[in-house]
Amino acid sequence: MLIIPPMDENGKPIIASAEICGNGLCNLNVESYENCPEDCIQEENIEPTEAETSYIPLSDTYILPESLQKDYGDMVFIIPFITVIIVFVILWISKATIAGKTLKDYLWPIKHYIIGAVLVVISQYIIALPLSSRYPLILNFTQALWILMVIFSLIKLIKTNDKFTVINAVILGILYSFIIHGLKISIRYFFYDRPVWYLMDRFLYGAFLVMITVLIIGPIFIYLKKKGAKI
């Protein structure tokens, strides 16, 4: 049986000052000392058990190698964060084309879906995360919602643009990766104080899901449109 120890704000097991007393454990990190004789309480620190140190949150699936799982400082996040914002602004103002289309061509026709995806992401942290202990599937539901926003966006662009290709679908996937998962890791960085390596891992994993979605849905609907099917 896996024993989940008390965790601090950084998600690390609390190393308690404790001593085994008969059939109970005197833990100096709790306010109540029920079933714990006074002569049992000591000030010596003990090492966490193997079960404690092996605890890993079930929601985290790491894809980066351990050698890259290091926090190299704030600027490793801040510089790319500012750079991405500047690039988006320059592309929008300059009307530069990416695979034959401007940033406005990609984003403006699907602005309502983008707003929906952003609201879903925000709701994950304001609503879904606090309720996830009581309703474990709620986070999966919100994830399915932003995936649907990506799919609906892709279908609309294919439907309204005769020259929308698989390459354009890939570009849309990249843009959505920065919009959705860029927002997610920004929230985790500024409000949850997550380390940079963790943010990189989450961004790559989320972007992978987006790209898989567009690479499956995009070619199918582009092919159906070429065959004259109504989409």
Protein backbone atom coordinates (compact mmCIF):
# COMPACT_ATOMS: atom_id res chain seq x y z
CA MET A 1 0.00 0.00 0.00
CA LEU A 2 1.35 3.44 -0.97
CA ILE A 3 1.42 5.85 1.97
CA ILE A 4 1.01 9.46 0.84
CA PRO A 5 2.90 11.65 3.31
CA PRO A 6 1.99 15.23 4.23
CA MET A 7 3.32 17.56 1.50
CA ASP A 8 4.69 21.09 1.69
CA GLU A 9 3.73 23.89 -0.76
CA ASN A 10 6.38 22.70 -3.23
CA GLY A 11 5.01 19.17 -3.34
CA LYS A 12 7.84 17.63 -1.30
CA PRO A 13 7.32 15.21 1.60
CA ILE A 14 7.59 16.82 5.04
CA ILE A 15 10.40 15.26 7.05
CA ALA A 16 8.89 14.90 10.48
CA SER A 17 10.44 14.80 13.91
CA ALA A 18 8.97 11.59 15.23
CA GLU A 19 9.35 8.41 17.17
CA ILE A 20 7.47 5.14 17.04
CA CYS A 21 5.45 4.71 20.24
CA GLY A 22 3.94 1.28 20.55
CA ASN A 23 1.42 1.04 17.73
CA GLY A 24 1.30 4.79 16.99
CA LEU A 25 3.52 7.49 15.50
CA CYS A 26 4.29 10.73 17.34
CA ASN A 27 4.48 13.39 14.63
CA LEU A 28 5.70 16.82 15.71
CA ASN A 29 4.31 18.41 12.55
CA VAL A 30 0.71 18.01 13.63
CA GLU A 31 -1.09 20.02 16.27
CA SER A 32 -2.80 17.05 17.88
CA TYR A 33 -0.86 14.39 19.82
CA GLU A 34 -3.66 11.90 20.28
CA ASN A 35 -2.50 8.45 21.40
CA CYS A 36 0.99 9.84 21.82
CA PRO A 37 2.48 9.86 25.34
CA GLU A 38 4.40 12.98 26.33
CA ASP A 39 7.58 11.03 27.08
CA CYS A 40 7.48 9.73 23.50
CA ILE A 41 7.92 13.13 21.79
CA GLN A 42 11.51 13.83 20.78
CA GLU A 43 13.30 16.49 18.76
CA GLU A 44 15.31 14.17 16.54
CA ASN A 45 14.71 14.28 12.79
CA ILE A 46 14.07 11.05 10.98
CA GLU A 47 14.45 10.30 7.29
CA PRO A 48 11.32 9.82 5.17
CA THR A 49 10.34 6.25 4.40
CA GLU A 50 10.78 4.69 0.97
CA ALA A 51 7.05 5.09 0.35
CA GLU A 52 7.30 8.81 1.10
CA THR A 53 10.29 9.49 -1.12
CA SER A 54 8.83 7.45 -3.96
CA TYR A 55 5.59 9.42 -4.01
CA ILE A 56 4.92 10.99 -7.42
CA PRO A 57 1.74 12.90 -8.27
CA LEU A 58 -0.36 10.65 -10.52
CA SER A 59 -1.24 13.51 -12.87
CA ASP A 60 2.39 14.14 -13.92
CA THR A 61 3.77 12.19 -16.86
CA TYR A 62 7.30 13.44 -17.49
CA ILE A 63 8.75 13.29 -20.99
CA LEU A 64 12.03 15.19 -20.51
CA PRO A 65 15.14 13.21 -19.55
CA GLU A 66 16.33 13.61 -15.95
CA SER A 67 19.45 15.48 -17.10
CA LEU A 68 17.22 18.35 -18.26
CA GLN A 69 15.01 18.39 -15.18
CA LYS A 70 16.75 21.33 -13.56
CA ASP A 71 15.73 24.86 -12.73
CA TYR A 72 18.27 27.17 -14.36
CA GLY A 73 16.72 30.38 -13.04
CA ASP A 74 13.96 32.83 -13.80
CA MET A 75 15.44 34.23 -17.00
CA VAL A 76 15.20 30.84 -18.69
CA PHE A 77 11.44 31.31 -18.55
CA ILE A 78 11.12 35.11 -18.72
CA ILE A 79 13.21 35.57 -21.90
CA PRO A 80 11.24 33.06 -24.03
CA PHE A 81 7.99 34.34 -22.50
CA ILE A 82 8.66 37.93 -23.59
CA THR A 83 10.10 36.79 -26.93
CA VAL A 84 6.96 34.85 -27.86
CA ILE A 85 4.75 37.85 -27.05
CA ILE A 86 6.95 40.18 -29.14
CA VAL A 87 6.96 37.76 -32.09
CA PHE A 88 3.16 37.48 -32.01
CA VAL A 89 2.81 41.28 -31.95
CA ILE A 90 5.29 41.77 -34.80
CA LEU A 91 3.61 39.11 -36.96
CA TRP A 92 0.19 40.67 -36.37
CA ILE A 93 1.29 44.26 -37.10
CA SER A 94 3.61 43.48 -40.03
CA LYS A 95 1.10 41.12 -41.68
CA ALA A 96 3.95 38.78 -42.53
CA THR A 97 2.78 35.50 -44.04
CA ILE A 98 3.38 32.02 -42.66
CA ALA A 99 2.78 29.31 -45.27
CA GLY A 100 0.87 31.82 -47.36
CA LYS A 101 -1.31 33.24 -44.60
CA THR A 102 -0.98 36.05 -42.10
CA LEU A 103 -1.40 35.60 -38.37
CA LYS A 104 -4.76 37.37 -38.68
CA ASP A 105 -5.86 34.85 -41.35
CA TYR A 106 -5.20 32.04 -38.90
CA LEU A 107 -6.61 33.55 -35.73
CA TRP A 108 -9.33 36.10 -36.52
CA PRO A 109 -11.90 33.73 -38.10
CA ILE A 110 -11.66 31.44 -35.04
CA LYS A 111 -11.44 34.14 -32.37
CA HIS A 112 -14.47 32.79 -30.51
CA TYR A 113 -12.93 29.34 -30.24
CA ILE A 114 -9.66 30.87 -29.03
CA ILE A 115 -11.52 32.83 -26.35
CA GLY A 116 -13.33 29.62 -25.41
CA ALA A 117 -10.05 27.72 -25.10
CA VAL A 118 -8.54 30.47 -22.93
CA LEU A 119 -11.59 30.47 -20.65
CA VAL A 120 -11.40 26.68 -20.35
CA VAL A 121 -7.73 26.88 -19.34
CA ILE A 122 -8.47 29.54 -16.71
CA SER A 123 -11.41 27.49 -15.41
CA GLN A 124 -9.09 24.50 -14.96
CA TYR A 125 -7.23 26.38 -12.23
CA ILE A 126 -10.10 28.39 -10.74
CA ILE A 127 -12.83 25.74 -10.78
CA ALA A 128 -11.66 22.29 -11.91
CA LEU A 129 -8.46 21.98 -9.86
CA PRO A 130 -10.10 22.79 -6.49
CA LEU A 131 -12.88 20.27 -7.27
CA SER A 132 -10.61 17.55 -8.67
CA SER A 133 -10.27 15.73 -5.34
CA ARG A 134 -14.06 15.24 -5.20
CA TYR A 135 -14.59 14.87 -8.96
CA PRO A 136 -11.44 13.28 -10.45
CA LEU A 137 -12.74 13.34 -14.04
CA ILE A 138 -13.34 17.09 -14.11
CA LEU A 139 -9.78 17.84 -15.28
CA ASN A 140 -10.16 15.31 -18.10
CA PHE A 141 -13.41 17.03 -19.06
CA THR A 142 -11.77 20.46 -19.30
CA GLN A 143 -8.91 18.98 -21.31
CA ALA A 144 -11.45 17.50 -23.73
CA LEU A 145 -13.06 20.94 -24.05
CA TRP A 146 -9.91 22.72 -25.23
CA ILE A 147 -9.18 19.85 -27.62
CA LEU A 148 -12.66 20.39 -29.06
CA MET A 149 -11.88 24.09 -29.47
CA VAL A 150 -8.81 23.14 -31.54
CA ILE A 151 -10.84 20.71 -33.67
CA PHE A 152 -13.68 23.18 -34.29
CA SER A 153 -11.15 25.87 -35.21
CA LEU A 154 -9.42 23.57 -37.67
CA ILE A 155 -12.70 22.51 -39.30
CA LYS A 156 -13.86 26.12 -39.67
CA LEU A 157 -10.62 27.22 -41.35
CA ILE A 158 -10.73 24.25 -43.71
CA LYS A 159 -14.37 24.92 -44.52
CA THR A 160 -13.96 28.66 -45.19
CA ASN A 161 -10.60 28.57 -46.98
CA ASP A 162 -10.11 26.69 -50.26
CA LYS A 163 -6.31 26.84 -50.02
CA PHE A 164 -5.98 25.56 -46.47
CA THR A 165 -3.40 22.75 -46.54
CA VAL A 166 -1.89 20.27 -44.09
CA ILE A 167 1.01 22.69 -43.60
CA ASN A 168 -1.46 25.39 -42.58
CA ALA A 169 -3.02 22.90 -40.14
CA VAL A 170 0.43 22.31 -38.61
CA ILE A 171 0.96 26.08 -38.24
CA LEU A 172 -2.43 26.35 -36.53
CA GLY A 173 -1.37 23.57 -34.15
CA ILE A 174 1.83 25.46 -33.28
CA LEU A 175 -0.12 28.67 -32.67
CA TYR A 176 -2.64 26.88 -30.48
CA SER A 177 0.20 25.22 -28.55
CA PHE A 178 1.55 28.63 -27.60
CA ILE A 179 -1.90 30.03 -26.84
CA ILE A 180 -3.19 27.17 -24.68
CA HIS A 181 -0.08 25.69 -23.13
CA GLY A 182 1.82 28.95 -23.07
CA LEU A 183 -1.02 30.26 -20.90
CA LYS A 184 -0.97 27.12 -18.76
CA ILE A 185 2.73 27.23 -17.98
CA SER A 186 2.53 30.99 -17.37
CA ILE A 187 -0.15 30.40 -14.72
CA ARG A 188 1.94 27.61 -13.19
CA TYR A 189 5.04 29.83 -13.16
CA PHE A 190 3.56 33.07 -11.81
CA PHE A 191 0.93 31.64 -9.43
CA TYR A 192 2.19 28.16 -8.50
CA ASP A 193 5.96 28.79 -8.49
CA ARG A 194 6.78 25.74 -10.61
CA PRO A 195 10.42 25.17 -11.68
CA VAL A 196 11.47 25.84 -15.27
CA TRP A 197 12.19 22.20 -16.13
CA TYR A 198 8.66 21.28 -15.05
CA LEU A 199 7.18 24.02 -17.24
CA MET A 200 9.20 22.84 -20.25
CA ASP A 201 7.97 19.30 -19.71
CA ARG A 202 4.33 20.34 -19.42
CA PHE A 203 4.54 22.59 -22.49
CA LEU A 204 6.09 19.86 -24.65
CA TYR A 205 3.54 17.30 -23.48
CA GLY A 206 0.60 19.66 -24.12
CA ALA A 207 1.95 20.75 -27.51
CA PHE A 208 2.31 17.08 -28.44
CA LEU A 209 -1.41 16.54 -27.76
CA VAL A 210 -2.33 19.56 -29.89
CA MET A 211 -0.12 18.47 -32.80
CA ILE A 212 -1.44 14.91 -32.73
CA THR A 213 -4.97 16.33 -32.89
CA VAL A 214 -4.34 18.57 -35.91
CA LEU A 215 -2.30 15.92 -37.74
CA ILE A 216 -5.17 13.44 -37.44
CA ILE A 217 -8.18 15.72 -37.94
CA GLY A 218 -6.63 18.12 -40.48
CA PRO A 219 -5.79 15.68 -43.32
CA ILE A 220 -9.14 13.89 -42.90
CA PHE A 221 -11.25 17.02 -43.35
CA ILE A 222 -9.00 18.44 -46.08
CA TYR A 223 -9.45 15.18 -47.99
CA LEU A 224 -13.23 15.20 -47.45
CA LYS A 225 -13.48 18.77 -48.72
CA LYS A 226 -11.50 17.91 -51.86
CA LYS A 227 -13.94 15.05 -52.49
CA GLY A 228 -16.84 17.48 -52.29
CA ALA A 229 -18.20 16.28 -48.95
CA LYS A 230 -20.07 18.78 -46.81
CA ILE A 231 -18.19 19.62 -43.61
